[in-house]
Amino acid sequence: MLPVIVQHSEALATYIFALQLALYQPQIRHLLQIVDALIVCNQRKTLSDLSRLFHVSLDPKALADFFRESPWKVDLIGKPRKKFMLMKALELASQTGLPLKIMAGLDDSLGKKGKATKSLQAVDIHHNHNESSKKKQSWCNGYVYVELHVQIGPFSFLFDTRLYLREKKVRQLNRERSKDNRLQYRSKYNLAREMLIELKELLPAGCPVYVLFDSWYASAKLIKFCLRQKWQVVCALKSNRKIEKQRVDLYHQTLKHKPYQKITLEAVDEHQPARTYYVRTVTGHIENVQQEVYVIISKKRPGDHFPKYFLCTDTSLSAQEALRIYQKRWPVEVDNLYLKEVLGLGDFRLQSFEAIEKWFAVVVLAINYLQYCAMLTYKPKLPLLSLADCKRQHQRSHFQILLRTLIHEIKKQPQQVETILQSFLPVERVAT
């Protein structure tokens, strides 16, 4: 399918106008063009590449200036987008008749960049814990962001992302900035807390909320913050965490006479079979958290020597129910894959931190639009359309517009068929 944009997508325009963004018309136009191109493009997502997708090619410098020079703030897109998506998900979820439970998944993600990108202010040397081991730590050049994903019943969407910089990098950048333009260092905990506070401000009072995160975020500080909001926590734990002053990985001796409970969990991927696990639970207090919690010790087989550990603050839940809730983190991984591999989150070449923040805001808007389209396809007992399906539908709509335009132009000038085809489908585009 040839990715040529003749005119903007009416469905996308309707979505963006529904957000009621406080932007000028030229800014809205650039935003619409960039989001449209991000979804249509199947290749690299640099601004030069995006500009060439249009029948009348756009000026890449004008698109770059939208991020570098145009006087708009990230919140002018972010706040209306978050409110709209949350309200739409709540509205649709209430129509299903299912109990309203908010699953808020926290995570962070690392995107690698080449060595030639060190001048980009959002790029730094970051620890790569996915490739690190006890014997060898791995570091790489790239960018890191903290994200919050929201799921309500069958509806889910990416709520927000926040770029993270190491404190050393912030100090380095501030040496070259004026006093009124300096960056403020924010830890990953601070970034996560900011997003959770913003989510709370938008939620109806009394909505049950479960905050989900992996063992890297399982600090007493974050757990206590969630409990103060009257929210529950289901998270992974590292083996060295203590409950009742004893490491959780040493409880196999204490519990050796307690039988394992066999539970079954549906696979995250609907095409995979359900999986069986063997669990034991320990109830008590973890360090610096007053509320009683319980820890789940989970093995794939009773004889496994390296179980996984999970914490749940809602002691009314069974181990099976708690682990089913923890599975709701999976859309976070899907979002990360789609942001980086499909929508080109890491393809930015913008230099300033503020411009890169704007790029992130626009890419998140693109994935939210696809998630919104997926929400609208809901039918009881049927899965929602995937993001890939929604992307293909969007591309197909542009292909149909292209065909209609070609037919219209050829009817007007039938003797100029070859010229018209070359105009809309130049050789270099066909080659891609």
Protein backbone atom coordinates (compact mmCIF):
# COMPACT_ATOMS: atom_id res chain seq x y z
CA MET A 1 0.00 0.00 0.00
CA LEU A 2 1.50 3.33 -1.08
CA PRO A 3 1.68 5.80 1.82
CA VAL A 4 0.77 9.03 0.06
CA ILE A 5 -1.29 11.65 1.91
CA VAL A 6 -3.45 13.72 -0.42
CA GLN A 7 -5.55 15.32 2.31
CA HIS A 8 -5.85 14.95 6.06
CA SER A 9 -7.87 12.21 7.70
CA GLU A 10 -11.32 13.47 8.65
CA ALA A 11 -11.54 10.92 11.49
CA LEU A 12 -8.24 12.14 12.95
CA ALA A 13 -9.28 15.78 12.52
CA THR A 14 -12.55 15.06 14.35
CA TYR A 15 -10.61 13.48 17.22
CA ILE A 16 -8.14 16.38 17.52
CA PHE A 17 -10.90 19.01 17.36
CA ALA A 18 -12.81 17.10 20.07
CA LEU A 19 -9.87 17.69 22.42
CA GLN A 20 -10.52 21.46 22.23
CA LEU A 21 -6.83 22.30 22.26
CA ALA A 22 -5.87 25.88 23.08
CA LEU A 23 -3.66 26.16 19.98
CA TYR A 24 -3.68 28.51 17.00
CA GLN A 25 -4.96 27.22 13.66
CA PRO A 26 -1.46 26.93 12.10
CA GLN A 27 -0.36 24.90 15.15
CA ILE A 28 -3.44 22.64 14.83
CA ARG A 29 -2.64 22.16 11.15
CA HIS A 30 0.97 21.13 11.87
CA LEU A 31 -0.20 18.82 14.66
CA LEU A 32 -2.73 17.15 12.39
CA GLN A 33 -0.16 16.72 9.62
CA ILE A 34 2.49 15.19 11.88
CA VAL A 35 0.15 12.78 13.68
CA ASP A 36 -1.38 11.72 10.36
CA ALA A 37 2.06 11.06 8.88
CA LEU A 38 3.26 9.17 11.98
CA ILE A 39 0.40 6.69 11.59
CA VAL A 40 0.64 6.37 7.80
CA CYS A 41 4.43 6.03 7.58
CA ASN A 42 5.88 2.52 7.60
CA GLN A 43 9.49 3.65 7.57
CA ARG A 44 11.67 5.88 9.69
CA LYS A 45 9.85 8.83 11.31
CA THR A 46 12.23 11.75 10.96
CA LEU A 47 10.58 15.04 10.05
CA SER A 48 12.14 14.90 6.59
CA ASP A 49 10.68 11.43 6.03
CA LEU A 50 7.26 12.52 7.27
CA SER A 51 7.20 15.61 5.05
CA ARG A 52 7.75 13.49 1.92
CA LEU A 53 4.60 11.46 2.55
CA PHE A 54 2.38 14.31 1.39
CA HIS A 55 1.35 14.77 -2.23
CA VAL A 56 2.54 18.33 -1.91
CA SER A 57 5.62 17.82 0.22
CA LEU A 58 5.78 19.85 3.40
CA ASP A 59 8.71 21.97 4.45
CA PRO A 60 10.70 19.92 7.02
CA LYS A 61 12.02 23.16 8.54
CA ALA A 62 8.45 24.36 9.18
CA LEU A 63 7.69 21.06 10.92
CA ALA A 64 10.89 21.35 12.96
CA ASP A 65 10.01 24.92 13.94
CA PHE A 66 6.68 23.61 15.27
CA PHE A 67 8.75 21.86 17.93
CA ARG A 68 11.68 24.27 18.25
CA GLU A 69 10.15 27.74 17.90
CA SER A 70 6.36 27.59 18.08
CA PRO A 71 5.27 28.99 21.49
CA TRP A 72 3.15 26.14 22.83
CA LYS A 73 3.59 24.08 25.96
CA VAL A 74 3.31 20.31 26.32
CA ASP A 75 0.38 20.66 28.75
CA LEU A 76 -1.70 22.40 26.07
CA ILE A 77 -1.91 19.02 24.36
CA GLY A 78 -1.36 16.71 27.32
CA LYS A 79 -4.03 17.90 29.76
CA PRO A 80 -7.00 17.92 27.31
CA ARG A 81 -5.83 14.61 25.82
CA LYS A 82 -5.65 12.86 29.20
CA LYS A 83 -9.03 14.18 30.32
CA PHE A 84 -10.71 13.22 27.03
CA MET A 85 -9.28 9.69 26.96
CA LEU A 86 -10.11 9.02 30.62
CA MET A 87 -13.67 10.32 30.31
CA LYS A 88 -14.24 8.30 27.14
CA ALA A 89 -12.89 5.10 28.75
CA LEU A 90 -15.07 5.64 31.86
CA GLU A 91 -18.12 6.33 29.69
CA LEU A 92 -17.66 3.23 27.57
CA ALA A 93 -16.79 1.05 30.57
CA SER A 94 -19.97 2.10 32.39
CA GLN A 95 -22.00 0.94 29.37
CA THR A 96 -20.61 -2.60 29.69
CA GLY A 97 -22.24 -3.08 33.08
CA LEU A 98 -18.97 -4.38 34.52
CA PRO A 99 -17.69 -3.10 37.89
CA LEU A 100 -15.48 -0.04 37.42
CA LYS A 101 -11.91 -0.76 38.52
CA ILE A 102 -9.02 1.45 37.49
CA MET A 103 -5.75 -0.34 36.73
CA ALA A 104 -2.85 2.11 36.65
CA GLY A 105 0.35 0.51 35.34
CA LEU A 106 3.66 2.28 36.04
CA ASP A 107 6.88 1.52 34.23
CA ASP A 108 9.89 3.10 32.58
CA SER A 109 11.51 2.30 29.28
CA LEU A 110 14.91 2.81 27.67
CA GLY A 111 15.32 3.69 24.02
CA LYS A 112 18.77 3.40 22.48
CA LYS A 113 20.30 6.15 20.34
CA GLY A 114 23.50 6.21 18.30
CA LYS A 115 26.71 7.77 19.59
CA ALA A 116 26.28 10.67 17.16
CA THR A 117 23.23 11.88 19.12
CA LYS A 118 25.04 12.93 22.30
CA SER A 119 24.34 16.59 21.53
CA LEU A 120 20.59 15.97 21.90
CA GLN A 121 19.70 17.18 25.38
CA ALA A 122 17.31 14.32 26.24
CA VAL A 123 19.97 11.73 25.39
CA ASP A 124 22.31 10.48 28.10
CA ILE A 125 24.20 7.42 29.32
CA HIS A 126 21.66 5.20 31.10
CA HIS A 127 21.85 1.94 32.96
CA ASN A 128 20.34 -0.88 30.92
CA HIS A 129 18.98 -3.23 33.58
CA ASN A 130 17.49 -5.56 30.94
CA GLU A 131 20.99 -6.46 29.74
CA SER A 132 22.78 -6.18 33.08
CA SER A 133 23.73 -9.04 35.38
CA LYS A 134 25.29 -9.34 38.83
CA LYS A 135 28.67 -9.89 37.20
CA LYS A 136 28.46 -7.23 34.51
CA GLN A 137 26.51 -3.99 34.41
CA SER A 138 25.39 -2.65 31.04
CA TRP A 139 25.12 1.03 30.07
CA CYS A 140 24.08 2.58 26.79
CA ASN A 141 23.47 5.90 25.08
CA GLY A 142 19.78 6.70 24.84
CA TYR A 143 16.69 8.22 26.41
CA VAL A 144 14.51 7.07 29.30
CA TYR A 145 10.90 7.87 30.03
CA VAL A 146 8.50 6.99 32.82
CA GLU A 147 4.99 6.09 31.74
CA LEU A 148 1.55 5.53 33.21
CA HIS A 149 -0.96 3.28 31.47
CA VAL A 150 -4.64 3.18 32.45
CA GLN A 151 -7.02 0.25 31.93
CA ILE A 152 -10.73 0.31 32.76
CA GLY A 153 -12.52 -2.91 31.92
CA PRO A 154 -11.65 -3.80 28.31
CA PHE A 155 -10.50 -0.24 27.52
CA SER A 156 -6.92 0.88 27.93
CA PHE A 157 -4.76 3.79 26.90
CA LEU A 158 -1.42 5.42 27.57
CA PHE A 159 -2.11 8.16 30.11
CA ASP A 160 1.24 9.94 30.08
CA THR A 161 4.99 9.77 29.59
CA ARG A 162 7.69 11.86 31.28
CA LEU A 163 11.29 12.13 30.11
CA TYR A 164 13.85 11.26 32.75
CA LEU A 165 17.34 12.74 33.04
CA ARG A 166 20.03 11.79 35.52
CA GLU A 167 20.88 14.48 38.07
CA LYS A 168 24.39 14.78 36.63
CA LYS A 169 22.95 15.46 33.16
CA VAL A 170 20.57 18.13 34.53
CA ARG A 171 23.47 19.93 36.22
CA GLN A 172 25.47 19.76 32.99
CA LEU A 173 22.64 21.23 30.89
CA ASN A 174 21.92 23.98 33.43
CA ARG A 175 25.46 25.34 33.12
CA GLU A 176 24.54 26.57 29.65
CA ARG A 177 21.08 27.86 30.57
CA SER A 178 19.89 31.13 32.05
CA LYS A 179 18.55 31.11 35.62
CA ASP A 180 14.93 31.41 34.47
CA ASN A 181 15.31 28.55 31.98
CA ARG A 182 16.98 25.87 34.08
CA LEU A 183 15.75 22.31 34.23
CA GLN A 184 14.69 20.80 37.52
CA TYR A 185 15.92 17.32 38.40
CA ARG A 186 13.10 14.88 39.05
CA SER A 187 13.66 11.30 40.10
CA LYS A 188 11.68 8.48 38.56
CA TYR A 189 9.63 8.36 41.75
CA ASN A 190 8.85 12.08 41.44
CA LEU A 191 7.80 11.64 37.79
CA ALA A 192 5.60 8.68 38.68
CA ARG A 193 4.06 10.59 41.59
CA GLU A 194 3.27 13.60 39.37
CA MET A 195 1.41 11.41 36.88
CA LEU A 196 -0.52 9.58 39.61
CA ILE A 197 -1.58 12.88 41.19
CA GLU A 198 -2.81 14.13 37.83
CA LEU A 199 -4.74 10.89 37.35
CA LYS A 200 -6.35 11.23 40.78
CA GLU A 201 -7.52 14.77 40.00
CA LEU A 202 -9.42 13.48 36.95
CA LEU A 203 -10.98 10.37 38.50
CA PRO A 204 -14.49 10.35 39.98
CA ALA A 205 -14.48 10.10 43.78
CA GLY A 206 -14.66 6.59 45.17
CA CYS A 207 -13.35 4.73 42.11
CA PRO A 208 -11.32 1.69 43.20
CA VAL A 209 -7.76 2.01 41.90
CA TYR A 210 -5.02 -0.62 41.70
CA VAL A 211 -1.52 0.67 40.97
CA LEU A 212 0.71 -1.90 39.27
CA PHE A 213 4.47 -1.81 38.87
CA ASP A 214 7.51 -4.06 38.73
CA SER A 215 10.13 -4.61 41.41
CA TRP A 216 12.19 -1.55 40.35
CA TYR A 217 9.40 0.74 41.60
CA ALA A 218 8.47 -1.28 44.70
CA SER A 219 9.78 1.26 47.20
CA ALA A 220 8.14 1.93 50.54
CA LYS A 221 7.81 5.58 49.51
CA LEU A 222 5.68 4.79 46.43
CA ILE A 223 3.63 2.13 48.21
CA LYS A 224 2.83 4.52 51.06
CA PHE A 225 1.93 7.27 48.60
CA CYS A 226 -0.61 4.97 46.92
CA LEU A 227 -2.06 3.87 50.26
CA ARG A 228 -2.54 7.51 51.30
CA GLN A 229 -4.72 7.95 48.20
CA LYS A 230 -6.84 4.97 49.37
CA TRP A 231 -5.49 3.01 46.41
CA GLN A 232 -4.29 -0.58 46.39
CA VAL A 233 -0.92 -1.82 45.13
CA VAL A 234 -0.06 -5.04 43.32
CA CYS A 235 3.61 -5.18 42.40
CA ALA A 236 6.60 -7.46 41.92
CA LEU A 237 9.23 -7.66 44.68
CA LYS A 238 12.95 -8.30 44.61
CA SER A 239 14.08 -11.37 46.52
CA ASN A 240 15.99 -9.31 49.11
CA ARG A 241 12.95 -7.38 50.35
CA LYS A 242 11.94 -8.18 53.90
CA ILE A 243 8.59 -9.05 55.41
CA GLU A 244 8.45 -9.23 59.19
CA LYS A 245 12.22 -8.53 59.12
CA GLN A 246 13.00 -11.65 57.08
CA ARG A 247 14.02 -11.76 53.42
CA VAL A 248 11.23 -13.12 51.26
CA ASP A 249 13.59 -15.56 49.52
CA LEU A 250 14.27 -17.26 52.88
CA TYR A 251 10.66 -18.07 53.54
CA HIS A 252 10.94 -21.40 51.71
CA GLN A 253 12.39 -22.78 54.96
CA THR A 254 9.68 -21.25 57.13
CA LEU A 255 6.92 -22.48 54.82
CA LYS A 256 8.39 -25.87 53.87
CA HIS A 257 5.48 -27.72 55.51
CA LYS A 258 2.85 -25.49 53.89
CA PRO A 259 1.54 -26.99 50.63
CA TYR A 260 1.57 -25.02 47.41
CA GLN A 261 -1.71 -23.83 46.00
CA LYS A 262 -2.18 -24.62 42.33
CA ILE A 263 -3.72 -21.75 40.35
CA THR A 264 -4.45 -21.14 36.68
CA LEU A 265 -4.05 -17.82 34.90
CA GLU A 266 -5.15 -16.99 31.39
CA ALA A 267 -2.20 -16.20 29.15
CA VAL A 268 -1.59 -12.53 28.40
CA ASP A 269 -1.66 -13.39 24.71
CA GLU A 270 -5.15 -14.71 23.87
CA HIS A 271 -3.61 -17.08 21.32
CA GLN A 272 -1.61 -18.84 24.04
CA PRO A 273 -2.97 -21.49 26.42
CA ALA A 274 -3.68 -20.79 30.09
CA ARG A 275 -0.75 -21.30 32.47
CA THR A 276 -0.51 -23.09 35.80
CA TYR A 277 1.44 -21.73 38.78
CA TYR A 278 2.16 -22.92 42.31
CA VAL A 279 1.90 -20.29 45.02
CA ARG A 280 2.38 -19.75 48.72
CA THR A 281 1.47 -16.59 50.61
CA VAL A 282 2.98 -14.77 53.58
CA THR A 283 1.05 -12.09 55.47
CA GLY A 284 2.78 -9.37 57.48
CA HIS A 285 4.50 -6.00 57.22
CA ILE A 286 7.27 -4.93 54.90
CA GLU A 287 9.87 -2.39 55.93
CA ASN A 288 8.63 1.17 56.53
CA VAL A 289 5.00 0.35 55.59
CA GLN A 290 2.56 0.18 58.50
CA GLN A 291 -0.33 -1.45 56.65
CA GLU A 292 -0.44 -5.24 56.61
CA VAL A 293 0.18 -6.77 53.19
CA TYR A 294 0.75 -10.20 51.82
CA VAL A 295 3.51 -11.56 49.62
CA ILE A 296 2.91 -14.21 46.96
CA ILE A 297 5.70 -16.69 46.28
CA SER A 298 5.05 -18.00 42.78
CA LYS A 299 6.68 -20.91 40.92
CA LYS A 300 6.02 -22.47 37.54
CA ARG A 301 6.76 -25.87 39.12
CA PRO A 302 6.98 -26.83 42.82
CA GLY A 303 10.65 -27.76 42.40
CA ASP A 304 11.76 -24.41 40.95
CA HIS A 305 14.65 -22.86 42.89
CA PHE A 306 14.05 -19.29 41.68
CA PRO A 307 10.46 -18.25 42.38
CA LYS A 308 9.03 -14.82 41.69
CA TYR A 309 7.66 -12.61 44.44
CA PHE A 310 4.67 -10.30 44.40
CA LEU A 311 3.14 -7.93 46.95
CA CYS A 312 -0.55 -7.12 47.33
CA THR A 313 -1.97 -4.53 49.74
CA ASP A 314 -5.57 -5.70 49.24
CA THR A 315 -5.68 -8.62 51.66
CA SER A 316 -9.26 -9.45 50.61
CA LEU A 317 -7.98 -10.77 47.27
CA SER A 318 -6.89 -14.32 46.69
CA ALA A 319 -3.45 -14.98 45.24
CA GLN A 320 -5.08 -15.88 41.95
CA GLU A 321 -7.07 -12.62 41.86
CA ALA A 322 -3.99 -10.55 42.74
CA LEU A 323 -1.87 -12.15 40.00
CA ARG A 324 -4.66 -11.67 37.47
CA ILE A 325 -4.63 -7.99 38.33
CA TYR A 326 -0.84 -7.87 37.96
CA GLN A 327 -1.24 -9.27 34.46
CA LYS A 328 -2.98 -6.01 33.56
CA ARG A 329 0.54 -4.50 33.27
CA TRP A 330 0.91 -6.20 29.89
CA PRO A 331 -0.55 -3.28 27.84
CA VAL A 332 2.35 -1.17 29.12
CA GLU A 333 4.73 -3.45 27.20
CA VAL A 334 2.52 -3.23 24.10
CA ASP A 335 2.56 0.56 24.32
CA ASN A 336 6.36 0.64 24.56
CA LEU A 337 6.73 -1.59 21.53
CA TYR A 338 4.30 0.49 19.51
CA LEU A 339 5.74 3.83 20.55
CA LYS A 340 9.29 2.91 19.60
CA GLU A 341 8.93 0.36 16.81
CA VAL A 342 5.84 1.66 14.97
CA LEU A 343 5.35 5.34 15.79
CA GLY A 344 9.00 6.37 15.83
CA LEU A 345 9.27 7.75 19.35
CA GLY A 346 13.07 7.49 19.24
CA ASP A 347 13.52 8.91 15.71
CA PHE A 348 13.77 12.49 16.93
CA ARG A 349 16.70 14.66 15.87
CA LEU A 350 15.59 17.71 17.80
CA GLN A 351 18.23 19.15 20.08
CA SER A 352 16.61 21.00 22.99
CA PHE A 353 14.99 19.14 25.85
CA GLU A 354 11.80 21.18 25.46
CA ALA A 355 11.49 20.36 21.75
CA ILE A 356 11.96 16.64 22.46
CA GLU A 357 9.28 16.82 25.16
CA LYS A 358 6.94 18.24 22.50
CA TRP A 359 7.86 15.40 20.14
CA PHE A 360 6.92 12.92 22.87
CA ALA A 361 3.59 14.72 23.40
CA VAL A 362 2.74 14.41 19.69
CA VAL A 363 3.73 10.72 19.45
CA VAL A 364 1.64 9.93 22.55
CA LEU A 365 -1.27 11.76 20.90
CA ALA A 366 -0.83 9.46 17.89
CA ILE A 367 -1.03 6.27 19.96
CA ASN A 368 -3.97 7.67 21.93
CA TYR A 369 -5.85 8.21 18.67
CA LEU A 370 -5.29 4.57 17.69
CA GLN A 371 -6.38 3.47 21.18
CA TYR A 372 -9.48 5.66 20.88
CA CYS A 373 -10.31 4.04 17.53
CA ALA A 374 -9.91 0.63 19.19
CA MET A 375 -12.27 1.64 22.02
CA LEU A 376 -15.00 2.53 19.53
CA THR A 377 -14.92 -1.02 18.09
CA TYR A 378 -16.02 -2.61 21.38
CA LYS A 379 -18.59 -5.37 21.17
CA PRO A 380 -19.50 -7.63 24.11
CA LYS A 381 -17.61 -10.94 24.23
CA LEU A 382 -15.36 -9.87 21.35
CA PRO A 383 -11.81 -8.50 21.61
CA LEU A 384 -11.13 -4.91 20.64
CA LEU A 385 -9.31 -4.23 17.42
CA SER A 386 -5.56 -4.19 17.87
CA LEU A 387 -3.49 -1.06 17.38
CA ALA A 388 -2.09 -2.67 14.23
CA ASP A 389 -5.64 -3.12 12.89
CA CYS A 390 -6.47 0.52 13.63
CA LYS A 391 -3.28 1.66 11.91
CA ARG A 392 -4.14 -0.40 8.83
CA GLN A 393 -7.64 1.08 8.75
CA HIS A 394 -6.16 4.56 8.89
CA GLN A 395 -3.75 3.78 6.05
CA ARG A 396 -6.56 2.22 4.02
CA SER A 397 -8.65 5.38 4.33
CA HIS A 398 -5.76 7.41 2.87
CA PHE A 399 -5.34 4.89 0.06
CA GLN A 400 -9.03 5.25 -0.79
CA ILE A 401 -8.71 9.04 -0.84
CA LEU A 402 -5.71 8.69 -3.15
CA LEU A 403 -7.63 6.42 -5.54
CA ARG A 404 -10.66 8.72 -5.62
CA THR A 405 -8.40 11.71 -6.30
CA LEU A 406 -6.60 9.89 -9.11
CA ILE A 407 -9.88 8.85 -10.73
CA HIS A 408 -11.23 12.39 -10.46
CA GLU A 409 -8.10 13.94 -12.01
CA ILE A 410 -7.93 11.37 -14.81
CA LYS A 411 -11.58 11.97 -15.70
CA LYS A 412 -10.85 15.68 -15.99
CA GLN A 413 -7.77 15.13 -18.17
CA PRO A 414 -7.85 11.61 -19.69
CA GLN A 415 -5.08 12.48 -22.14
CA GLN A 416 -2.75 13.25 -19.22
CA VAL A 417 -2.91 9.89 -17.42
CA GLU A 418 0.84 9.37 -17.32
CA THR A 419 1.52 12.87 -16.07
CA ILE A 420 -1.13 12.58 -13.36
CA LEU A 421 0.21 9.25 -12.17
CA GLN A 422 3.73 10.66 -12.03
CA SER A 423 2.43 13.62 -10.05
CA PHE A 424 0.76 11.49 -7.38
CA LEU A 425 2.99 8.42 -7.53
CA PRO A 426 6.52 9.53 -8.38
CA VAL A 427 9.11 6.85 -8.99
CA GLU A 428 10.93 7.41 -5.70
CA ARG A 429 7.69 6.87 -3.78
CA VAL A 430 6.85 3.74 -5.67
CA ALA A 431 10.33 2.43 -4.88
CA THR A 432 9.68 2.74 -1.13
